[in-house]
Amino acid sequence: MRVRGRIDDNQKEVVSQLRKLGVSVAITSMLGKGFPDFICGYMGKNWMIELKDGAKSKSRKTLTEDEAKFFNDWKGQVDKCESLDDICKVIGIILF
């Protein structure tokens, strides 16, 4: 079970960079119960993102039981990403 409010070490930097790219970011990690870490808005669309720290071990990047249940049960879009590059690919931002 996820501890509410716990964030991955890379979240602050990734969110900062997304905002510099013009992406709206609403932090939702405090909701717990497997809900993704944040919602991104860009060019009239929204994406729910579960951020894992790509620098961590494989076991630390695995979805928790609650996250896996959310991913399985959710009828819309939700993505697991490990970096700014991963999120940009999902959203459709090309980084040079």
Protein backbone atom coordinates (compact mmCIF):
# COMPACT_ATOMS: atom_id res chain seq x y z
CA MET A 1 0.00 0.00 0.00
CA ARG A 2 1.31 3.43 -0.90
CA VAL A 3 2.02 5.99 1.78
CA ARG A 4 0.03 9.09 0.90
CA GLY A 5 2.15 12.03 -0.08
CA ARG A 6 5.31 10.00 -0.74
CA ILE A 7 6.86 11.04 -4.02
CA ASP A 8 9.69 9.64 -6.10
CA ASP A 9 13.04 11.44 -5.90
CA ASN A 10 12.78 12.62 -9.52
CA GLN A 11 9.24 14.05 -9.33
CA LYS A 12 10.12 17.64 -8.40
CA GLU A 13 12.62 18.01 -11.25
CA VAL A 14 10.41 16.26 -13.82
CA VAL A 15 7.40 18.42 -12.92
CA SER A 16 9.53 21.57 -13.09
CA GLN A 17 10.81 20.64 -16.56
CA LEU A 18 7.31 19.78 -17.80
CA ARG A 19 6.03 23.17 -16.68
CA LYS A 20 8.94 24.88 -18.49
CA LEU A 21 7.79 23.06 -21.64
CA GLY A 22 4.30 24.56 -21.25
CA VAL A 23 2.62 21.50 -19.75
CA SER A 24 0.06 21.99 -16.96
CA VAL A 25 0.74 19.61 -14.08
CA ALA A 26 -1.62 18.83 -11.19
CA ILE A 27 0.04 16.79 -8.43
CA THR A 28 -2.27 13.99 -7.27
CA SER A 29 0.15 11.74 -5.38
CA MET A 30 -1.51 12.67 -2.09
CA LEU A 31 -4.71 10.87 -3.11
CA GLY A 32 -3.18 7.44 -2.54
CA LYS A 33 -5.08 4.19 -3.24
CA GLY A 34 -3.11 3.69 -6.45
CA PHE A 35 -4.15 6.97 -8.08
CA PRO A 36 -1.38 8.20 -10.43
CA ASP A 37 1.15 10.77 -9.23
CA PHE A 38 0.02 13.60 -11.48
CA ILE A 39 -2.15 14.72 -14.36
CA CYS A 40 -0.60 16.55 -17.28
CA GLY A 41 -2.49 18.86 -19.61
CA TYR A 42 -1.07 19.81 -22.99
CA MET A 43 -2.63 21.02 -26.24
CA GLY A 44 -6.18 20.38 -25.03
CA LYS A 45 -5.56 16.82 -23.79
CA ASN A 46 -4.93 15.23 -20.40
CA TRP A 47 -2.68 12.36 -19.33
CA MET A 48 -2.50 10.56 -15.99
CA ILE A 49 1.10 9.69 -15.16
CA GLU A 50 2.51 7.31 -12.56
CA LEU A 51 6.14 8.37 -12.21
CA LYS A 52 8.79 5.93 -11.11
CA ASP A 53 12.42 6.88 -10.58
CA GLY A 54 14.42 5.37 -13.44
CA ALA A 55 17.56 5.45 -11.30
CA LYS A 56 16.07 3.02 -8.76
CA SER A 57 16.27 -0.78 -8.85
CA LYS A 58 13.75 -2.72 -10.92
CA SER A 59 11.83 -3.74 -7.80
CA ARG A 60 11.50 -0.07 -6.75
CA LYS A 61 10.07 0.80 -10.19
CA THR A 62 7.35 -1.85 -10.03
CA LEU A 63 3.76 -0.73 -9.53
CA THR A 64 2.47 -1.24 -6.01
CA GLU A 65 -0.51 -3.52 -5.49
CA ASP A 66 -2.84 -0.49 -5.33
CA GLU A 67 -1.28 1.06 -8.45
CA ALA A 68 -1.56 -2.19 -10.40
CA LYS A 69 -5.23 -2.47 -9.40
CA PHE A 70 -5.85 1.12 -10.51
CA PHE A 71 -4.12 0.50 -13.87
CA ASN A 72 -6.14 -2.69 -14.37
CA ASP A 73 -9.51 -1.22 -13.39
CA TRP A 74 -9.26 2.24 -14.98
CA LYS A 75 -11.19 2.48 -18.26
CA GLY A 76 -9.21 5.47 -19.56
CA GLN A 77 -5.61 6.41 -20.20
CA VAL A 78 -2.92 6.02 -17.55
CA ASP A 79 0.83 5.65 -18.14
CA LYS A 80 3.82 4.55 -16.08
CA CYS A 81 6.90 6.64 -16.90
CA GLU A 82 10.42 6.78 -15.48
CA SER A 83 11.72 10.06 -16.87
CA LEU A 84 10.94 13.38 -18.54
CA ASP A 85 11.75 11.74 -21.89
CA ASP A 86 9.20 8.97 -21.26
CA ILE A 87 6.48 11.51 -20.44
CA CYS A 88 7.32 13.65 -23.46
CA LYS A 89 6.95 10.59 -25.71
CA VAL A 90 3.52 9.86 -24.21
CA ILE A 91 2.40 13.48 -24.57
CA GLY A 92 3.95 13.99 -28.00
CA ILE A 93 6.61 16.58 -27.18
CA ILE A 94 9.78 16.18 -29.22
CA LEU A 95 12.90 17.09 -27.23
CA PHE A 96 16.02 18.07 -29.12
